[in-house]
């Protein structure tokens, strides 16, 4: 890399060794889908769409993913943003309490997941011609994240979201998750100098001729793949967030995940995760 690289002094959560967690490959579970249909009061035929089971009605859709223990339910046109009604509940603690009760009642929350943050869905409303159009909150998205061994689970495959409509009722949710078991071994985490060296050699940045790359935050965690993908283990990664600045591009943000352990060909086969998203020669996702 011919441009300057700024890297944080400390990698959040960095330790010398991390335990490995396996994610056993699961088979499609029609009985579990039928249980979920009763939980979400979905009546209709279960359709096998290849990578998931689904039930579709006029008002809602329910998905159960074959490759993971993940589900998604959405009440479709009942979601508040379609009606542009103003959200009646704005207190964050009250919104979290609604989500907590919903997840608890439907057995979708466990001690490995914890509340993260709330964001609001917005819509533009307008009244008489003399009024000025404005954006209003129409629904709330209550988010939860997972952690294991004191480290965050990163990526799209480990998170929970509950959608609360304008009237305070839950109108959608997903729980993306894979059941795990201890792998029976720990792996050494790469040092900060090793991580910087690998990052410098990344072709995406090595081609930049002038400017700078700033890594504003680096943290250790476990990478999770999308709920529809097969994954044999949670892979330790260093998540890097920052920006690139060049004479042509003033500032472009990036998020990259770098495999934080050394691994053998045997482990590549055992973990069943590198073949699509990582490879032995490329560590950066």
Protein backbone atom coordinates (compact mmCIF):
# COMPACT_ATOMS: atom_id res chain seq x y z
CA UNK A 1 0.00 0.00 0.00
CA UNK A 2 1.57 3.29 -1.13
CA UNK A 3 -0.74 5.50 0.89
CA UNK A 4 -0.71 6.17 4.62
CA UNK A 5 -2.55 3.87 7.00
CA UNK A 6 -3.87 5.00 10.37
CA UNK A 7 -4.75 2.13 12.71
CA UNK A 8 -6.16 2.31 16.25
CA UNK A 9 -3.76 1.56 19.08
CA UNK A 10 -6.14 -0.94 20.64
CA UNK A 11 -8.32 -3.68 19.18
CA UNK A 12 -11.49 -3.92 21.25
CA UNK A 13 -11.81 -7.27 23.00
CA UNK A 14 -8.45 -8.53 21.74
CA UNK A 15 -7.21 -11.62 23.61
CA UNK A 16 -4.44 -14.11 22.97
CA UNK A 17 -6.73 -17.15 22.65
CA UNK A 18 -10.38 -17.56 21.67
CA UNK A 19 -12.57 -20.66 22.09
CA UNK A 20 -14.01 -22.14 18.91
CA UNK A 21 -17.75 -22.76 18.60
CA UNK A 22 -19.23 -25.23 16.14
CA UNK A 23 -22.65 -24.69 14.55
CA UNK A 24 -23.97 -28.17 13.75
CA UNK A 25 -25.65 -28.46 10.37
CA UNK A 26 -29.39 -28.83 10.89
CA UNK A 27 -31.99 -30.60 8.77
CA UNK A 28 -35.24 -28.94 7.64
CA UNK A 29 -37.71 -29.26 10.51
CA UNK A 30 -41.31 -29.32 9.31
CA UNK A 31 -42.68 -30.02 12.79
CA UNK A 32 -40.95 -26.94 14.17
CA UNK A 33 -42.43 -24.87 11.35
CA UNK A 34 -45.88 -26.12 12.30
CA UNK A 35 -45.24 -25.08 15.91
CA UNK A 36 -44.18 -21.62 14.72
CA UNK A 37 -47.35 -21.36 12.62
CA UNK A 38 -49.44 -21.85 15.76
CA UNK A 39 -47.34 -19.32 17.70
CA UNK A 40 -47.85 -16.64 15.06
CA UNK A 41 -51.44 -17.71 14.29
CA UNK A 42 -50.62 -18.45 10.66
CA UNK A 43 -53.05 -20.67 8.78
CA UNK A 44 -52.09 -22.01 5.38
CA UNK A 45 -49.96 -24.53 3.54
CA UNK A 46 -46.28 -24.85 4.38
CA UNK A 47 -44.23 -24.30 1.21
CA UNK A 48 -40.67 -25.54 0.83
CA UNK A 49 -38.89 -22.79 -1.12
CA UNK A 50 -35.52 -24.55 -1.25
CA UNK A 51 -33.64 -22.68 1.45
CA UNK A 52 -36.60 -22.10 3.78
CA UNK A 53 -40.14 -23.07 4.72
CA UNK A 54 -42.79 -20.39 4.30
CA UNK A 55 -46.44 -19.77 5.01
CA UNK A 56 -48.06 -16.88 3.18
CA UNK A 57 -51.46 -15.37 3.87
CA UNK A 58 -53.16 -12.22 2.68
CA UNK A 59 -51.91 -10.35 5.74
CA UNK A 60 -48.62 -11.96 6.77
CA UNK A 61 -45.65 -14.14 5.92
CA UNK A 62 -43.63 -16.55 8.06
CA UNK A 63 -40.19 -17.96 7.18
CA UNK A 64 -38.09 -20.67 8.80
CA UNK A 65 -34.61 -21.08 7.33
CA UNK A 66 -33.28 -24.60 6.67
CA UNK A 67 -29.60 -23.79 7.22
CA UNK A 68 -29.97 -22.15 10.63
CA UNK A 69 -32.31 -21.77 13.59
CA UNK A 70 -33.63 -18.52 12.14
CA UNK A 71 -37.17 -17.26 11.64
CA UNK A 72 -38.83 -14.16 10.22
CA UNK A 73 -42.45 -13.03 10.58
CA UNK A 74 -44.00 -9.94 9.01
CA UNK A 75 -47.63 -8.89 9.07
CA UNK A 76 -47.22 -7.14 5.72
CA UNK A 77 -49.78 -4.45 5.02
CA UNK A 78 -50.57 -4.15 8.74
CA UNK A 79 -47.19 -2.50 9.26
CA UNK A 80 -47.65 1.10 10.27
CA UNK A 81 -45.47 2.73 7.61
CA UNK A 82 -48.07 1.76 4.99
CA UNK A 83 -50.70 3.82 6.83
CA UNK A 84 -48.42 6.67 7.88
CA UNK A 85 -50.01 6.82 11.33
CA UNK A 86 -48.00 8.61 13.99
CA UNK A 87 -46.39 6.31 16.56
CA UNK A 88 -48.27 6.67 19.83
CA UNK A 89 -45.47 5.37 22.07
CA UNK A 90 -42.17 7.25 22.11
CA UNK A 91 -40.68 6.24 25.46
CA UNK A 92 -37.69 4.01 24.73
CA UNK A 93 -38.03 1.94 27.89
CA UNK A 94 -41.69 1.29 27.18
CA UNK A 95 -40.91 0.20 23.62
CA UNK A 96 -38.18 -2.15 24.87
CA UNK A 97 -40.59 -3.58 27.46
CA UNK A 98 -43.14 -4.35 24.73
CA UNK A 99 -40.47 -6.13 22.68
CA UNK A 100 -39.14 -8.02 25.72
CA UNK A 101 -42.61 -9.29 26.60
CA UNK A 102 -43.26 -10.40 23.03
CA UNK A 103 -39.96 -12.28 22.77
CA UNK A 104 -40.37 -13.85 26.18
CA UNK A 105 -43.95 -14.99 25.52
CA UNK A 106 -42.88 -16.61 22.25
CA UNK A 107 -39.61 -18.08 23.61
CA UNK A 108 -37.47 -16.15 21.13
CA UNK A 109 -35.03 -14.55 23.57
CA UNK A 110 -32.29 -16.14 25.65
CA UNK A 111 -29.41 -15.02 27.86
CA UNK A 112 -26.98 -14.88 24.93
CA UNK A 113 -28.93 -11.97 23.40
CA UNK A 114 -29.25 -8.50 24.89
CA UNK A 115 -30.95 -5.24 24.00
CA UNK A 116 -28.92 -3.05 21.65
CA UNK A 117 -30.82 -0.01 20.35
CA UNK A 118 -34.05 1.35 18.87
CA UNK A 119 -34.54 3.10 15.56
CA UNK A 120 -37.73 4.65 14.22
CA UNK A 121 -39.45 4.16 10.89
CA UNK A 122 -40.51 7.45 9.36
CA UNK A 123 -43.00 8.66 6.79
CA UNK A 124 -43.81 12.04 5.30
CA UNK A 125 -47.17 13.49 6.23
CA UNK A 126 -48.94 16.61 5.03
CA UNK A 127 -52.21 18.33 5.82
CA UNK A 128 -53.93 21.28 4.17
CA UNK A 129 -52.07 23.22 1.53
CA UNK A 130 -50.98 25.77 4.11
CA UNK A 131 -49.23 23.08 6.16
CA UNK A 132 -45.63 22.07 5.64
CA UNK A 133 -44.90 18.40 4.98
CA UNK A 134 -42.90 16.75 7.75
CA UNK A 135 -41.43 13.40 8.68
CA UNK A 136 -43.01 11.62 11.63
CA UNK A 137 -42.22 8.41 13.50
CA UNK A 138 -44.58 5.65 12.37
CA UNK A 139 -43.08 2.52 13.95
CA UNK A 140 -40.17 1.38 16.11
CA UNK A 141 -37.50 -1.25 15.39
CA UNK A 142 -36.21 -2.73 18.66
CA UNK A 143 -32.86 -4.45 18.11
CA UNK A 144 -30.93 -7.10 20.04
CA UNK A 145 -27.44 -8.55 19.52
CA UNK A 146 -25.75 -11.78 20.57
CA UNK A 147 -22.46 -12.46 22.32
CA UNK A 148 -20.46 -15.55 23.27
CA UNK A 149 -17.38 -15.87 25.51
CA UNK A 150 -17.54 -12.12 26.10
CA UNK A 151 -17.24 -11.30 22.37
CA UNK A 152 -19.90 -9.90 20.02
CA UNK A 153 -21.37 -11.96 17.21
CA UNK A 154 -20.91 -9.96 14.02
CA UNK A 155 -22.43 -10.20 10.58
CA UNK A 156 -26.02 -10.81 9.47
CA UNK A 157 -26.61 -14.20 11.10
CA UNK A 158 -27.03 -13.37 14.81
CA UNK A 159 -29.50 -10.64 15.68
CA UNK A 160 -33.09 -10.06 16.73
CA UNK A 161 -35.48 -7.32 15.73
CA UNK A 162 -39.03 -6.60 16.88
CA UNK A 163 -41.17 -4.15 14.91
CA UNK A 164 -43.76 -2.19 16.90
CA UNK A 165 -46.57 -0.52 14.99
CA UNK A 166 -48.08 2.90 15.56
CA UNK A 167 -50.66 1.52 18.02
CA UNK A 168 -48.11 -0.27 20.20
CA UNK A 169 -48.74 -3.75 18.81
CA UNK A 170 -45.96 -5.96 17.46
CA UNK A 171 -46.33 -6.23 13.68
CA UNK A 172 -43.16 -8.11 12.72
CA UNK A 173 -39.97 -9.70 14.00
CA UNK A 174 -36.99 -11.82 13.08
CA UNK A 175 -34.58 -13.92 15.06
CA UNK A 176 -31.45 -14.86 13.16
CA UNK A 177 -29.42 -17.40 15.10
CA UNK A 178 -27.61 -20.75 14.96
CA UNK A 179 -27.40 -23.07 17.91
CA UNK A 180 -23.77 -23.62 18.87
CA UNK A 181 -21.68 -26.09 20.80
CA UNK A 182 -18.15 -25.77 22.11
CA UNK A 183 -15.56 -26.92 19.60
CA UNK A 184 -13.21 -28.39 22.18
CA UNK A 185 -10.27 -26.18 21.26
CA UNK A 186 -8.98 -22.63 21.37
CA UNK A 187 -7.13 -20.76 18.63
CA UNK A 188 -4.44 -18.11 18.91
CA UNK A 189 -5.54 -14.66 17.79
CA UNK A 190 -3.28 -12.80 15.39
CA UNK A 191 -1.34 -9.87 16.84
CA UNK A 192 -2.11 -6.28 15.90
CA UNK A 193 1.04 -5.98 13.68
CA UNK A 194 0.01 -9.16 11.80
CA UNK A 195 -3.48 -7.80 11.28
CA UNK A 196 -2.15 -4.51 9.95
CA UNK A 197 0.16 -6.36 7.55
CA UNK A 198 -2.69 -8.44 6.13
CA UNK A 199 -4.87 -5.36 5.84
CA UNK A 200 -2.14 -3.47 3.96
CA UNK A 201 -1.92 -6.31 1.43
CA UNK A 202 -5.64 -6.26 0.68
CA UNK A 203 -5.95 -5.64 -3.10
CA UNK A 204 -8.88 -3.27 -2.58
CA UNK A 205 -6.57 -0.80 -0.82
CA UNK A 206 -3.21 -1.69 -2.34
CA UNK A 207 -4.30 -0.24 -5.70
CA UNK A 208 -4.83 3.23 -4.24
CA UNK A 209 -1.88 5.41 -5.27
CA UNK A 210 -2.32 8.46 -3.03
CA UNK A 211 -4.37 9.51 -0.05
CA UNK A 212 -4.95 7.75 3.26
CA UNK A 213 -6.85 4.88 4.84
CA UNK A 214 -8.08 5.46 8.38
CA UNK A 215 -9.28 2.55 10.52
CA UNK A 216 -11.33 4.27 13.21
CA UNK A 217 -12.42 1.16 15.08
CA UNK A 218 -11.23 -2.44 15.28
CA UNK A 219 -12.86 -5.14 17.39
CA UNK A 220 -12.64 -8.88 17.85
CA UNK A 221 -15.77 -10.99 17.45
CA UNK A 222 -17.27 -14.03 15.77
CA UNK A 223 -18.49 -13.81 12.18
CA UNK A 224 -21.97 -15.15 11.42
CA UNK A 225 -23.20 -15.78 7.88
CA UNK A 226 -26.68 -14.98 6.50
CA UNK A 227 -29.40 -17.28 7.89
CA UNK A 228 -29.84 -19.04 4.54
CA UNK A 229 -26.14 -20.05 4.34
CA UNK A 230 -24.61 -23.23 5.74
CA UNK A 231 -22.00 -22.47 8.42
CA UNK A 232 -20.02 -25.09 10.30
CA UNK A 233 -18.42 -22.82 12.92
CA UNK A 234 -18.32 -19.27 14.21
CA UNK A 235 -15.07 -17.83 12.85
CA UNK A 236 -13.12 -15.30 14.94
CA UNK A 237 -12.63 -12.09 12.98
CA UNK A 238 -11.39 -8.56 13.47
CA UNK A 239 -14.02 -6.12 12.28
CA UNK A 240 -12.48 -2.93 10.87
CA UNK A 241 -14.49 0.26 10.34
CA UNK A 242 -13.06 3.39 8.80
CA UNK A 243 -12.78 5.47 5.66
CA UNK A 244 -10.65 6.02 2.57
CA UNK A 245 -9.71 9.52 1.43
CA UNK A 246 -8.04 10.27 -1.92
CA UNK A 247 -7.70 13.33 -4.16
CA UNK A 248 -10.54 11.96 -6.29
CA UNK A 249 -12.77 10.71 -3.44
CA UNK A 250 -12.90 12.89 -0.36
CA UNK A 251 -14.25 10.27 2.03
CA UNK A 252 -15.68 6.79 1.53
CA UNK A 253 -16.55 4.60 4.48
CA UNK A 254 -15.83 0.88 4.69
CA UNK A 255 -16.44 -2.13 6.93
CA UNK A 256 -14.17 -5.16 6.52
CA UNK A 257 -13.83 -8.37 8.52
CA UNK A 258 -10.44 -10.05 8.71
CA UNK A 259 -10.07 -13.68 9.81
CA UNK A 260 -8.26 -13.40 13.13
CA UNK A 261 -6.79 -16.91 13.43
CA UNK A 262 -4.47 -19.17 11.50
CA UNK A 263 -6.15 -22.26 10.09
CA UNK A 264 -5.23 -25.51 8.36
CA UNK A 265 -6.72 -27.18 5.30
CA UNK A 266 -8.33 -29.71 7.62
CA UNK A 267 -10.01 -26.92 9.56
CA UNK A 268 -11.28 -25.38 6.34
CA UNK A 269 -13.14 -28.60 5.63
CA UNK A 270 -14.29 -29.06 9.22
CA UNK A 271 -15.69 -25.56 9.66
CA UNK A 272 -17.46 -25.55 6.27
CA UNK A 273 -17.47 -21.78 6.11
CA UNK A 274 -14.49 -20.51 4.15
CA UNK A 275 -15.37 -21.92 0.73
CA UNK A 276 -17.91 -19.20 -0.13
CA UNK A 277 -16.96 -16.20 1.98
CA UNK A 278 -13.27 -16.76 2.76
CA UNK A 279 -10.42 -18.75 1.27
CA UNK A 280 -6.96 -19.83 2.28
CA UNK A 281 -5.40 -16.98 0.28
CA UNK A 282 -7.83 -14.18 1.11
CA UNK A 283 -8.59 -13.36 4.73
CA UNK A 284 -10.66 -10.23 4.26
CA UNK A 285 -14.41 -10.18 3.74
